Amino acid sequence: MISASDFRNGMTIEIDGNVCQIIEFQHVKPGKGAAFVRTKLKDIINGGVKETTFRPTEKFPAARIDKKDMQYLYQDGDIYNFMDSETYEQIGLTADQIGDSLKFVKENEICKVNSYNGNVFAVEPPMFVELTISETEPGFKGDTATGATKPATVETGATVAVPLFVNEGDVIKIDTRTGEYLSRV
């Protein structure tokens, strides 16, 4: 059990049957009245954010989130198939469980699959991926005064803004958290 006075950013707790992660917390001692803890909580399952206050003596059970490295194998209709790298056990996840987290991930790449009590709620792609550009317009010299970009489609089908000097067939490095171009490889 974790008391509200021991809250830290990033902790996961159970509140009223919901699994929440603490995004922000602030210990407040008003001049008049009892102290309290003001928190911003993110519901891990549905992604909603809410602000709540607690008395410092309130206690909550810690929620255990399992993060497992799994290899993304292939997509079969609306089912995305993953394999545990250690046990070779395969699981199929629906498009609702995945969201848009796999838009920069190729087949056979390792992702982190997050689950709570055996129920998968999120897939974390690798932080950086290297993808080949499958389609982009040619860039022309003299088009710009400062860092202009153009849209480019990568091999997974996602669109990324890239500098004018990047051409079709180039391999680029992308930050999957922001979807931004980082460099040519």
Protein backbone atom coordinates (compact mmCIF):
# COMPACT_ATOMS: atom_id res chain seq x y z
CA MET A 1 0.00 0.00 0.00
CA ILE A 2 1.23 3.47 -0.91
CA SER A 3 0.12 6.48 1.12
CA ALA A 4 -0.71 9.72 -0.70
CA SER A 5 2.21 11.46 1.03
CA ASP A 6 4.61 8.99 -0.69
CA PHE A 7 3.38 9.72 -4.24
CA ARG A 8 6.06 10.18 -6.92
CA ASN A 9 5.80 10.94 -10.64
CA GLY A 10 5.47 7.77 -12.73
CA MET A 11 4.06 5.58 -9.91
CA THR A 12 1.13 3.31 -10.78
CA ILE A 13 -1.67 2.82 -8.27
CA GLU A 14 -5.20 1.36 -8.16
CA ILE A 15 -8.04 3.77 -7.40
CA ASP A 16 -11.64 2.50 -7.36
CA GLY A 17 -10.71 -0.45 -9.57
CA ASN A 18 -8.95 1.75 -12.15
CA VAL A 19 -5.21 1.60 -12.79
CA CYS A 20 -3.75 5.12 -12.79
CA GLN A 21 -0.30 6.56 -13.28
CA ILE A 22 0.72 9.69 -11.38
CA ILE A 23 1.70 12.38 -13.90
CA GLU A 24 2.09 15.26 -11.41
CA PHE A 25 1.69 15.63 -7.69
CA GLN A 26 1.93 18.57 -5.31
CA HIS A 27 1.91 18.55 -1.52
CA VAL A 28 -0.19 21.55 -0.41
CA LYS A 29 -0.25 23.00 3.10
CA PRO A 30 -2.82 25.80 3.20
CA GLY A 31 -2.57 28.38 5.98
CA LYS A 32 -5.91 27.26 7.36
CA GLY A 33 -7.09 23.66 7.38
CA ALA A 34 -5.42 20.29 6.83
CA ALA A 35 -2.69 19.53 4.29
CA PHE A 36 -3.59 17.65 1.10
CA VAL A 37 -1.95 16.16 -1.99
CA ARG A 38 -3.10 17.52 -5.37
CA THR A 39 -2.47 14.98 -8.17
CA LYS A 40 -2.91 14.64 -11.91
CA LEU A 41 -3.69 11.00 -12.73
CA LYS A 42 -3.73 9.24 -16.10
CA ASP A 43 -5.99 6.20 -16.46
CA ILE A 44 -3.67 3.62 -18.05
CA ILE A 45 -6.41 1.54 -19.67
CA ASN A 46 -8.41 4.26 -21.46
CA GLY A 47 -5.89 7.15 -21.43
CA GLY A 48 -8.11 9.70 -19.66
CA VAL A 49 -6.49 12.32 -17.39
CA LYS A 50 -8.13 13.67 -14.24
CA GLU A 51 -7.10 15.90 -11.35
CA THR A 52 -7.88 14.76 -7.81
CA THR A 53 -6.95 15.69 -4.25
CA PHE A 54 -6.19 13.24 -1.43
CA ARG A 55 -5.49 13.47 2.28
CA PRO A 56 -1.84 12.51 2.95
CA THR A 57 -2.98 9.59 5.13
CA GLU A 58 -5.04 7.88 2.39
CA LYS A 59 -3.53 4.59 1.19
CA PHE A 60 -3.80 2.90 -2.22
CA PRO A 61 -2.58 -0.48 -3.50
CA ALA A 62 0.36 -0.35 -5.94
CA ALA A 63 -0.57 -1.61 -9.42
CA ARG A 64 1.90 -3.99 -11.01
CA ILE A 65 2.38 -3.34 -14.73
CA ASP A 66 4.18 -6.07 -16.68
CA LYS A 67 6.38 -4.88 -19.55
CA LYS A 68 7.55 -7.67 -21.80
CA ASP A 69 9.77 -7.54 -24.90
CA MET A 70 7.93 -9.17 -27.78
CA GLN A 71 8.67 -9.44 -31.49
CA TYR A 72 6.06 -8.02 -33.88
CA LEU A 73 5.52 -10.79 -36.45
CA TYR A 74 2.79 -9.78 -38.89
CA GLN A 75 -0.68 -8.27 -39.33
CA ASP A 76 -3.58 -10.52 -40.31
CA GLY A 77 -6.62 -8.31 -41.01
CA ASP A 78 -7.36 -6.49 -37.71
CA ILE A 79 -5.15 -8.84 -35.65
CA TYR A 80 -1.51 -7.96 -34.94
CA ASN A 81 0.58 -11.00 -33.99
CA PHE A 82 3.44 -10.84 -31.47
CA MET A 83 5.84 -13.52 -30.21
CA ASP A 84 7.50 -13.72 -26.80
CA SER A 85 11.26 -13.84 -27.50
CA GLU A 86 11.93 -16.19 -24.55
CA THR A 87 9.06 -18.71 -24.61
CA TYR A 88 8.14 -18.39 -28.33
CA GLU A 89 4.50 -18.06 -27.27
CA GLN A 90 2.41 -16.05 -29.75
CA ILE A 91 -0.43 -13.63 -28.96
CA GLY A 92 -2.80 -11.73 -31.23
CA LEU A 93 -3.80 -8.16 -30.38
CA THR A 94 -6.65 -6.17 -31.92
CA ALA A 95 -6.33 -2.79 -33.61
CA ASP A 96 -8.10 -1.21 -30.59
CA GLN A 97 -5.40 -2.48 -28.23
CA ILE A 98 -2.59 -1.30 -30.53
CA GLY A 99 -3.86 2.16 -31.50
CA ASP A 100 -1.41 3.94 -33.81
CA SER A 101 1.72 2.81 -31.94
CA LEU A 102 2.86 0.51 -34.77
CA LYS A 103 2.79 3.03 -37.62
CA PHE A 104 6.63 3.18 -37.70
CA VAL A 105 7.30 -0.49 -36.84
CA LYS A 106 8.34 -3.07 -39.43
CA GLU A 107 7.71 -6.78 -39.08
CA ASN A 108 10.21 -8.69 -36.87
CA GLU A 109 11.05 -5.66 -34.69
CA ILE A 110 11.06 -5.87 -30.89
CA CYS A 111 8.36 -3.87 -29.02
CA LYS A 112 7.40 -3.62 -25.35
CA VAL A 113 3.95 -5.04 -24.62
CA ASN A 114 2.39 -3.60 -21.43
CA SER A 115 -0.17 -5.64 -19.52
CA TYR A 116 -2.05 -5.48 -16.23
CA ASN A 117 -3.40 -8.73 -14.73
CA GLY A 118 -2.74 -10.46 -18.06
CA ASN A 119 -4.73 -7.90 -20.10
CA VAL A 120 -2.67 -6.04 -22.69
CA PHE A 121 -3.44 -2.31 -22.76
CA ALA A 122 -0.55 -0.80 -24.73
CA VAL A 123 2.33 -1.53 -27.07
CA GLU A 124 5.46 0.66 -26.94
CA PRO A 125 7.47 0.74 -30.18
CA PRO A 126 11.26 1.11 -30.07
CA MET A 127 12.25 4.78 -29.45
CA PHE A 128 14.07 5.10 -32.77
CA VAL A 129 13.51 3.21 -36.02
CA GLU A 130 15.30 3.22 -39.37
CA LEU A 131 12.97 3.11 -42.37
CA THR A 132 13.37 3.42 -46.13
CA ILE A 133 11.53 6.21 -47.95
CA SER A 134 9.16 4.67 -50.48
CA GLU A 135 7.73 7.86 -51.96
CA THR A 136 8.58 11.57 -51.91
CA GLU A 137 8.68 14.50 -54.31
CA PRO A 138 12.10 15.64 -55.50
CA GLY A 139 13.45 18.68 -53.65
CA PHE A 140 14.78 21.64 -55.63
CA LYS A 141 17.82 23.71 -54.69
CA GLY A 142 17.19 27.36 -53.89
CA ASP A 143 13.65 26.68 -52.69
CA THR A 144 14.30 27.82 -49.17
CA ALA A 145 15.90 30.32 -46.84
CA THR A 146 15.73 28.11 -43.76
CA GLY A 147 15.02 24.41 -43.05
CA ALA A 148 12.06 23.68 -45.33
CA THR A 149 10.49 20.24 -45.30
CA LYS A 150 8.46 18.07 -47.63
CA PRO A 151 6.18 15.09 -46.92
CA ALA A 152 7.63 11.60 -47.45
CA THR A 153 5.97 8.18 -47.15
CA VAL A 154 8.07 5.48 -45.48
CA GLU A 155 7.89 1.72 -46.08
CA THR A 156 5.29 1.18 -43.32
CA GLY A 157 2.91 3.65 -44.99
CA ALA A 158 3.31 6.48 -42.44
CA THR A 159 4.01 10.05 -43.60
CA VAL A 160 6.94 12.03 -42.17
CA ALA A 161 8.14 15.61 -42.81
CA VAL A 162 11.73 15.40 -44.12
CA PRO A 163 14.28 17.99 -45.34
CA LEU A 164 14.42 18.77 -49.08
CA PHE A 165 17.72 16.88 -49.63
CA VAL A 166 16.19 13.48 -48.70
CA ASN A 167 15.28 11.34 -51.74
CA GLU A 168 13.33 8.16 -52.48
CA GLY A 169 15.22 5.05 -51.39
CA ASP A 170 17.13 6.85 -48.59
CA VAL A 171 17.10 5.24 -45.14
CA ILE A 172 16.14 7.70 -42.39
CA LYS A 173 16.03 7.56 -38.58
CA ILE A 174 12.68 8.49 -36.96
CA ASP A 175 11.78 9.22 -33.31
CA THR A 176 8.62 7.11 -32.76
CA ARG A 177 7.44 9.21 -29.77
CA THR A 178 7.06 12.38 -31.86
CA GLY A 179 7.07 10.98 -35.41
CA GLU A 180 9.86 13.39 -36.39
CA TYR A 181 12.74 12.87 -38.80
CA LEU A 182 16.11 12.75 -37.00
CA SER A 183 18.78 11.99 -39.60
CA ARG A 184 19.79 10.05 -42.69
CA VAL A 185 21.45 6.73 -42.03
